[in-house]
Amino acid sequence: MTLRRFKTVALLLCAACLALAGWMLFHSLTGARMAGCGAGSGCDSVMGSPWAYVLGGVPVSLPAAVAYVLLALCLVFLGGESSEDRSLDRLIWPMMLALGGAILGAAIWFCYLQLFVLHAFCKYCTLLHLLGILLAGWILFSGRSLSLSKGRPERSFDRLRNRSWFAIGLLAAALFAFVQSRTLPAAAYDTGRTEVALPAFTDGEIPVLGPSDAPDELTLLFDFQCVHCRRLHKVLPELLAKAGGQYSIRLCPVPLSSACNPYIPASGIDRFAGSCQLTCFALAVWYARPDVYEAYWDYLLGGGNERASIAPADAEARARALLGDGFQEAVQDPRIDAYLRKAEELFGRTSNAAKSGVPRLIHGQNWLVPETDQADELLELIRLSL
């Protein structure tokens, strides 16, 4: 392989990675909407989470952009003709290998977070990581090809040295992962306030957790298919106990599917397909048999298993078992449609142009989207933000 070909391919990959990292950095700093990243999307979940930041608030796209800028500079100055340039190459090549290792390690780390921690994928992040893996592999394996193309066999020492520098980059990525896990920002990833009037719910329209005479009433918007909602669902009893009677919580399911929610932009992939049916069945059980709604809603929310996925057909079967011959009448209850219009309006009026995720807690005109499954942390966030 010629040096020219190596640099051309590497620079093209580096430019693509830098463009993606720069666009995500701009999004993080300004809140600009990214195409296909509306409410309920994977990138809304990923880029709105605390894992999108390091050192308490620095967007992870910033060190990524710096790494790709440094790598691009190395590529530009690599392969000069003079003796001074050849001496510079001996410094540039180890730096490139270390950057390649760091890029590969970071890609593995963030793919792990999306798969096993966030249970959601950002298409921009995933594309960046895939391109980064290709770029790192190109740098690592091109050294041998470049050596052979110059007519000199690759020595064992050269191979060991190259792999050592690459390993140093991997260790740097591991250190980054350790630092990030120890410096996560505050659990709230979105807060806001709206000045427009918000829909209000009457007694009996939706369930209420906590004391009926609580000084402060919160409204919780959630989707039955939302992983973060399932996590929050598990801590609600502990939260209310720790609050000491200060709060009650109105449970307000709102589907994040564009099939029935006009505030969710239609896209090629509906991550919450089925939410419309699940919400309808949940409300039907609530209105027809409020004495059994709690167990049924807990079932729809996974029964404590945040990764559970309840199919609409299974939810319908269980609702039929609970409601018997009254099932058909219950799902056609006009109160369901009236509630959905009101809940979707509440969702739309408390969403902003950049982030609009759930679960969302609303108190008065203020709203909070938390990212925590710790009752103490959540209570502190509520007291500070609402």
Protein backbone atom coordinates (compact mmCIF):
# COMPACT_ATOMS: atom_id res chain seq x y z
CA MET A 1 0.00 0.00 0.00
CA THR A 2 1.28 3.50 -0.77
CA LEU A 3 1.46 6.27 1.80
CA ARG A 4 -0.77 8.40 -0.40
CA ARG A 5 -3.55 5.81 -0.35
CA PHE A 6 -3.22 5.31 3.40
CA LYS A 7 -3.50 9.04 4.09
CA THR A 8 -6.41 9.53 1.68
CA VAL A 9 -8.55 6.80 3.25
CA ALA A 10 -7.62 7.80 6.80
CA LEU A 11 -8.32 11.49 6.17
CA LEU A 12 -11.73 10.72 4.64
CA LEU A 13 -12.71 8.59 7.63
CA CYS A 14 -11.32 11.18 10.04
CA ALA A 15 -13.21 14.01 8.32
CA ALA A 16 -16.49 12.07 8.54
CA CYS A 17 -15.91 11.35 12.24
CA LEU A 18 -14.99 14.95 12.95
CA ALA A 19 -18.12 16.21 11.18
CA LEU A 20 -20.34 13.90 13.26
CA ALA A 21 -18.58 14.73 16.54
CA GLY A 22 -18.72 18.45 15.74
CA TRP A 23 -22.45 18.31 14.95
CA MET A 24 -23.20 16.46 18.18
CA LEU A 25 -21.09 18.94 20.13
CA PHE A 26 -23.06 21.80 18.57
CA HIS A 27 -26.28 20.02 19.56
CA SER A 28 -25.10 19.56 23.16
CA LEU A 29 -24.00 23.18 23.54
CA THR A 30 -26.93 24.90 21.81
CA GLY A 31 -29.80 22.43 22.10
CA ALA A 32 -30.26 22.42 18.32
CA ARG A 33 -32.54 19.62 17.16
CA MET A 34 -30.92 16.81 15.20
CA ALA A 35 -32.91 15.26 12.38
CA GLY A 36 -34.71 12.13 13.54
CA CYS A 37 -34.04 12.84 17.22
CA GLY A 38 -37.49 13.85 18.37
CA ALA A 39 -39.36 12.67 21.43
CA GLY A 40 -39.15 8.95 21.97
CA SER A 41 -36.19 8.50 19.63
CA GLY A 42 -33.08 6.57 20.56
CA CYS A 43 -30.78 9.56 20.22
CA ASP A 44 -33.10 11.63 22.43
CA SER A 45 -32.65 8.98 25.14
CA VAL A 46 -28.89 8.64 24.63
CA MET A 47 -27.86 12.26 24.13
CA GLY A 48 -30.21 13.42 26.88
CA SER A 49 -28.73 11.05 29.46
CA PRO A 50 -25.96 11.82 31.97
CA TRP A 51 -23.71 9.45 29.99
CA ALA A 52 -23.52 12.09 27.26
CA TYR A 53 -21.28 14.11 29.60
CA VAL A 54 -18.01 13.74 31.49
CA LEU A 55 -16.46 15.64 34.41
CA GLY A 56 -19.88 16.74 35.59
CA GLY A 57 -21.05 18.53 32.45
CA VAL A 58 -18.54 18.45 29.56
CA PRO A 59 -20.15 16.90 26.45
CA VAL A 60 -18.33 13.68 25.50
CA SER A 61 -18.37 14.90 21.90
CA LEU A 62 -15.80 17.56 22.88
CA PRO A 63 -12.89 15.17 23.65
CA ALA A 64 -13.98 13.14 20.62
CA ALA A 65 -13.71 16.18 18.36
CA VAL A 66 -10.29 17.06 19.85
CA ALA A 67 -9.04 13.51 19.20
CA TYR A 68 -10.11 13.63 15.55
CA VAL A 69 -8.56 17.08 15.06
CA LEU A 70 -5.23 15.82 16.45
CA LEU A 71 -5.42 12.73 14.27
CA ALA A 72 -6.15 14.82 11.17
CA LEU A 73 -3.11 17.02 11.91
CA CYS A 74 -0.93 13.92 12.28
CA LEU A 75 -2.12 12.64 8.93
CA VAL A 76 -1.48 15.94 7.20
CA PHE A 77 2.13 16.15 8.38
CA LEU A 78 2.92 12.46 8.00
CA GLY A 79 5.34 11.35 5.25
CA GLY A 80 7.55 14.31 4.46
CA GLU A 81 10.58 13.97 2.20
CA SER A 82 13.29 15.79 4.20
CA SER A 83 15.29 14.27 7.02
CA GLU A 84 13.53 16.58 9.46
CA ASP A 85 10.18 15.33 8.21
CA ARG A 86 11.27 11.72 8.61
CA SER A 87 12.31 12.48 12.17
CA LEU A 88 8.86 14.00 12.74
CA ASP A 89 7.27 10.82 11.39
CA ARG A 90 8.88 8.89 14.23
CA LEU A 91 6.90 11.09 16.64
CA ILE A 92 3.70 11.24 14.60
CA TRP A 93 3.26 7.51 14.09
CA PRO A 94 3.17 6.55 17.82
CA MET A 95 0.73 9.40 18.45
CA MET A 96 -1.52 8.15 15.66
CA LEU A 97 -1.45 4.62 17.05
CA ALA A 98 -2.31 5.87 20.55
CA LEU A 99 -5.18 7.98 19.18
CA GLY A 100 -6.41 4.98 17.21
CA GLY A 101 -6.42 2.85 20.35
CA ALA A 102 -8.26 5.55 22.29
CA ILE A 103 -10.88 5.87 19.53
CA LEU A 104 -11.43 2.11 19.47
CA GLY A 105 -11.68 1.90 23.27
CA ALA A 106 -14.13 4.80 23.42
CA ALA A 107 -16.28 3.22 20.70
CA ILE A 108 -16.45 -0.05 22.64
CA TRP A 109 -17.33 1.82 25.85
CA PHE A 110 -20.15 3.86 24.36
CA CYS A 111 -21.60 0.91 22.45
CA TYR A 112 -21.64 -0.97 25.77
CA LEU A 113 -23.48 1.92 27.46
CA GLN A 114 -26.11 2.08 24.73
CA LEU A 115 -26.67 -1.68 24.73
CA PHE A 116 -26.56 -2.58 28.43
CA VAL A 117 -27.15 0.66 30.38
CA LEU A 118 -29.37 2.96 28.32
CA HIS A 119 -31.08 0.25 26.25
CA ALA A 120 -31.35 2.74 23.41
CA PHE A 121 -29.27 3.59 20.36
CA CYS A 122 -28.44 6.97 18.86
CA LYS A 123 -27.97 6.58 15.12
CA TYR A 124 -25.47 9.44 14.98
CA CYS A 125 -23.44 8.06 17.89
CA THR A 126 -23.50 4.53 16.49
CA LEU A 127 -22.39 5.72 13.04
CA LEU A 128 -19.56 7.71 14.64
CA HIS A 129 -18.41 4.66 16.61
CA LEU A 130 -18.52 2.38 13.56
CA LEU A 131 -16.47 4.85 11.51
CA GLY A 132 -14.09 5.25 14.45
CA ILE A 133 -13.59 1.48 14.64
CA LEU A 134 -12.82 1.38 10.91
CA LEU A 135 -10.37 4.25 11.27
CA ALA A 136 -8.61 2.66 14.25
CA GLY A 137 -8.30 -0.65 12.41
CA TRP A 138 -6.96 1.11 9.32
CA ILE A 139 -4.27 2.82 11.38
CA LEU A 140 -3.29 -0.30 13.32
CA PHE A 141 -2.99 -2.66 10.36
CA SER A 142 -1.64 -0.17 7.85
CA GLY A 143 1.74 0.09 9.59
CA ARG A 144 2.75 -3.36 8.45
CA SER A 145 1.55 -2.70 4.90
CA LEU A 146 3.39 0.61 4.72
CA SER A 147 6.59 -1.03 5.93
CA LEU A 148 6.32 -3.79 3.35
CA SER A 149 5.55 -1.31 0.58
CA LYS A 150 8.82 0.45 1.32
CA GLY A 151 10.62 -2.82 0.73
CA ARG A 152 11.67 -3.43 4.32
CA PRO A 153 10.32 -6.36 6.30
CA GLU A 154 8.41 -5.62 9.48
CA ARG A 155 10.58 -6.51 12.46
CA SER A 156 9.22 -8.10 15.62
CA PHE A 157 10.35 -5.02 17.54
CA ASP A 158 8.37 -2.73 15.22
CA ARG A 159 5.27 -4.89 15.59
CA LEU A 160 5.59 -4.92 19.39
CA ARG A 161 6.17 -1.17 19.53
CA ASN A 162 3.14 -0.42 17.36
CA ARG A 163 0.89 -2.65 19.44
CA SER A 164 2.22 -1.10 22.64
CA TRP A 165 1.30 2.41 21.53
CA PHE A 166 -2.13 1.18 20.45
CA ALA A 167 -2.57 -0.49 23.85
CA ILE A 168 -1.68 2.81 25.55
CA GLY A 169 -4.58 4.38 23.68
CA LEU A 170 -6.92 1.62 24.84
CA LEU A 171 -5.80 2.23 28.44
CA ALA A 172 -6.50 5.95 27.99
CA ALA A 173 -10.04 5.09 26.88
CA ALA A 174 -10.44 2.84 29.92
CA LEU A 175 -9.31 5.70 32.14
CA PHE A 176 -11.85 7.97 30.43
CA ALA A 177 -14.60 5.43 31.12
CA PHE A 178 -13.58 5.24 34.77
CA VAL A 179 -13.54 9.03 35.16
CA GLN A 180 -16.90 9.38 33.41
CA SER A 181 -18.55 6.78 35.63
CA ARG A 182 -17.30 8.69 38.70
CA THR A 183 -18.21 12.20 37.51
CA LEU A 184 -21.72 11.87 36.14
CA PRO A 185 -23.61 15.18 36.17
CA ALA A 186 -26.73 15.83 38.17
CA ALA A 187 -29.39 13.24 37.55
CA ALA A 188 -31.81 15.67 35.89
CA TYR A 189 -31.11 15.91 32.18
CA ASP A 190 -33.88 18.32 31.32
CA THR A 191 -35.92 20.90 33.16
CA GLY A 192 -38.13 23.66 31.95
CA ARG A 193 -41.01 26.00 32.54
CA THR A 194 -43.96 26.85 30.35
CA GLU A 195 -46.05 29.99 30.57
CA VAL A 196 -49.04 28.56 28.70
CA ALA A 197 -52.02 27.12 30.53
CA LEU A 198 -51.80 23.38 31.14
CA PRO A 199 -54.70 20.90 31.08
CA ALA A 200 -55.90 19.79 34.51
CA PHE A 201 -57.26 16.40 35.47
CA THR A 202 -60.33 15.84 37.56
CA ASP A 203 -60.65 13.39 40.44
CA GLY A 204 -61.09 9.86 39.13
CA GLU A 205 -59.74 10.69 35.68
CA ILE A 206 -56.33 9.15 36.42
CA PRO A 207 -54.94 7.28 39.46
CA VAL A 208 -53.22 9.17 42.26
CA LEU A 209 -50.45 7.78 44.46
CA GLY A 210 -49.79 9.18 47.91
CA PRO A 211 -51.93 11.03 50.44
CA SER A 212 -54.98 12.82 49.12
CA ASP A 213 -54.27 15.81 51.39
CA ALA A 214 -50.62 16.24 50.29
CA PRO A 215 -49.55 19.91 50.06
CA ASP A 216 -48.03 19.42 46.58
CA GLU A 217 -49.41 17.41 43.69
CA LEU A 218 -47.12 16.17 40.91
CA THR A 219 -48.21 14.84 37.54
CA LEU A 220 -46.09 12.05 36.08
CA LEU A 221 -46.10 11.60 32.30
CA PHE A 222 -44.85 8.16 31.26
CA ASP A 223 -45.06 5.53 28.53
CA PHE A 224 -45.60 1.86 29.33
CA GLN A 225 -42.81 0.90 26.89
CA CYS A 226 -40.25 3.40 28.19
CA VAL A 227 -37.28 1.80 30.01
CA HIS A 228 -36.62 4.94 32.06
CA CYS A 229 -40.28 5.01 33.08
CA ARG A 230 -40.03 1.45 34.37
CA ARG A 231 -37.00 2.39 36.45
CA LEU A 232 -38.82 5.35 37.96
CA HIS A 233 -41.94 3.26 38.54
CA LYS A 234 -39.98 0.98 40.87
CA VAL A 235 -38.93 3.82 43.19
CA LEU A 236 -42.22 5.72 43.46
CA PRO A 237 -43.33 4.03 46.72
CA GLU A 238 -39.96 4.71 48.33
CA LEU A 239 -40.00 8.28 47.03
CA LEU A 240 -43.39 9.01 48.58
CA ALA A 241 -42.33 7.42 51.87
CA LYS A 242 -39.19 9.56 52.02
CA ALA A 243 -41.19 12.68 51.13
CA GLY A 244 -43.16 12.25 54.36
CA GLY A 245 -46.58 13.11 52.93
CA GLN A 246 -45.44 16.21 51.08
CA TYR A 247 -46.34 14.95 47.60
CA SER A 248 -49.01 13.01 45.79
CA ILE A 249 -48.45 11.84 42.22
CA ARG A 250 -51.02 11.67 39.43
CA LEU A 251 -50.13 8.80 37.09
CA CYS A 252 -50.59 10.08 33.55
CA PRO A 253 -49.72 7.57 30.79
CA VAL A 254 -49.05 9.20 27.43
CA PRO A 255 -48.10 7.11 24.36
CA LEU A 256 -44.91 8.16 22.58
CA SER A 257 -46.02 6.63 19.30
CA SER A 258 -46.67 8.82 16.29
CA ALA A 259 -49.59 6.52 15.51
CA CYS A 260 -51.76 8.36 18.04
CA ASN A 261 -49.71 11.22 19.52
CA PRO A 262 -49.65 14.26 17.19
CA TYR A 263 -46.64 15.70 19.06
CA ILE A 264 -44.40 12.77 18.07
CA PRO A 265 -42.86 13.23 14.61
CA ALA A 266 -43.30 10.25 12.31
CA SER A 267 -40.08 8.45 11.41
CA GLY A 268 -39.01 5.22 9.78
CA ILE A 269 -38.79 3.39 13.11
CA ASP A 270 -41.46 3.73 15.81
CA ARG A 271 -39.65 2.71 19.02
CA PHE A 272 -42.96 2.85 20.90
CA ALA A 273 -45.16 0.98 18.47
CA GLY A 274 -47.91 -0.57 20.53
CA SER A 275 -47.99 2.16 23.17
CA CYS A 276 -51.34 3.44 21.89
CA GLN A 277 -52.97 0.05 22.50
CA LEU A 278 -51.28 -0.46 25.87
CA THR A 279 -52.46 2.94 27.08
CA CYS A 280 -55.99 2.24 25.88
CA PHE A 281 -56.12 -1.10 27.73
CA ALA A 282 -54.66 0.49 30.88
CA LEU A 283 -57.29 3.22 30.91
CA ALA A 284 -60.07 0.74 30.16
CA VAL A 285 -59.12 -1.29 33.22
CA TRP A 286 -58.82 1.87 35.33
CA TYR A 287 -62.24 3.21 34.40
CA ALA A 288 -64.05 -0.15 34.47
CA ARG A 289 -62.38 -1.77 37.49
CA PRO A 290 -60.29 0.69 39.53
CA ASP A 291 -59.96 -1.97 42.22
CA VAL A 292 -57.60 -4.05 40.02
CA TYR A 293 -55.84 -1.35 37.99
CA GLU A 294 -52.73 -1.26 40.20
CA ALA A 295 -51.69 -4.87 39.51
CA TYR A 296 -52.51 -4.50 35.81
CA TRP A 297 -50.50 -1.29 35.40
CA ASP A 298 -47.60 -2.84 37.28
CA TYR A 299 -47.75 -5.74 34.81
CA LEU A 300 -47.66 -3.33 31.84
CA LEU A 301 -44.62 -1.61 33.38
CA GLY A 302 -42.75 -4.88 33.59
CA GLY A 303 -43.44 -5.76 37.19
CA GLY A 304 -40.07 -4.35 38.23
CA ASN A 305 -38.20 -5.67 35.18
CA GLU A 306 -37.08 -2.60 33.27
CA ARG A 307 -36.26 -4.66 30.16
CA ALA A 308 -39.62 -6.40 30.02
CA SER A 309 -41.57 -5.93 26.81
CA ILE A 310 -45.31 -6.49 27.02
CA ALA A 311 -46.87 -7.20 23.65
CA PRO A 312 -50.26 -5.54 22.98
CA ALA A 313 -51.79 -8.98 22.35
CA ASP A 314 -50.70 -10.19 25.80
CA ALA A 315 -51.92 -6.97 27.43
CA GLU A 316 -55.29 -7.37 25.70
CA ALA A 317 -55.60 -10.99 26.85
CA ARG A 318 -54.99 -10.03 30.45
CA ALA A 319 -57.40 -7.09 30.24
CA ARG A 320 -60.08 -9.41 28.82
CA ALA A 321 -59.51 -11.80 31.72
CA LEU A 322 -60.02 -8.94 34.19
CA LEU A 323 -63.00 -7.31 32.49
CA GLY A 324 -64.76 -10.35 31.08
CA ASP A 325 -67.77 -9.57 28.92
CA GLY A 326 -67.35 -5.87 29.66
CA PHE A 327 -64.03 -5.62 27.83
CA GLN A 328 -65.37 -4.31 24.52
CA GLU A 329 -67.51 -1.68 26.22
CA ALA A 330 -64.60 -0.66 28.43
CA VAL A 331 -62.15 -0.03 25.55
CA GLN A 332 -64.81 2.06 23.78
CA ASP A 333 -65.38 4.27 26.82
CA PRO A 334 -65.43 7.89 25.50
CA ARG A 335 -63.46 8.97 28.56
CA ILE A 336 -60.39 7.23 27.12
CA ASP A 337 -60.27 9.38 24.00
CA ALA A 338 -60.98 12.54 26.01
CA TYR A 339 -58.17 11.66 28.41
CA LEU A 340 -55.68 10.94 25.61
CA ARG A 341 -56.32 14.31 23.95
CA LYS A 342 -55.73 16.04 27.28
CA ALA A 343 -52.61 14.01 28.15
CA GLU A 344 -51.07 14.57 24.72
CA GLU A 345 -51.75 18.29 25.01
CA LEU A 346 -50.02 18.32 28.38
CA PHE A 347 -47.07 16.48 26.82
CA GLY A 348 -46.87 18.92 23.91
CA ARG A 349 -47.04 22.05 26.05
CA THR A 350 -44.22 20.89 28.34
CA SER A 351 -41.88 19.80 25.53
CA ASN A 352 -39.17 22.03 24.13
CA ALA A 353 -37.41 22.09 20.79
CA ALA A 354 -34.37 20.10 21.95
CA LYS A 355 -35.58 17.46 24.41
CA SER A 356 -38.97 16.05 25.15
CA GLY A 357 -38.49 12.74 26.89
CA VAL A 358 -40.30 10.88 29.62
CA PRO A 359 -40.74 10.15 32.47
CA ARG A 360 -41.63 13.76 33.12
CA LEU A 361 -42.74 15.23 36.43
CA ILE A 362 -44.85 18.39 36.31
CA HIS A 363 -45.64 20.76 39.17
CA GLY A 364 -47.51 23.92 38.30
CA GLN A 365 -45.80 25.39 35.24
CA ASN A 366 -42.46 23.66 35.87
CA TRP A 367 -41.39 20.27 34.56
CA LEU A 368 -38.50 17.92 35.15
CA VAL A 369 -37.20 14.90 33.24
CA PRO A 370 -35.09 12.94 35.75
CA GLU A 371 -32.46 10.34 34.96
CA THR A 372 -32.08 8.42 38.20
CA ASP A 373 -33.42 5.34 39.92
CA GLN A 374 -32.42 6.50 43.41
CA ALA A 375 -35.27 7.76 45.59
CA ASP A 376 -33.05 10.16 47.57
CA GLU A 377 -31.60 11.69 44.40
CA LEU A 378 -35.02 11.99 42.82
CA LEU A 379 -36.51 13.67 45.88
CA GLU A 380 -33.67 16.19 45.92
CA LEU A 381 -34.18 16.92 42.23
CA ILE A 382 -37.90 17.47 42.74
CA ARG A 383 -37.30 19.88 45.60
CA LEU A 384 -34.68 21.83 43.64
CA SER A 385 -36.39 21.88 40.24
CA LEU A 386 -40.15 21.91 40.81
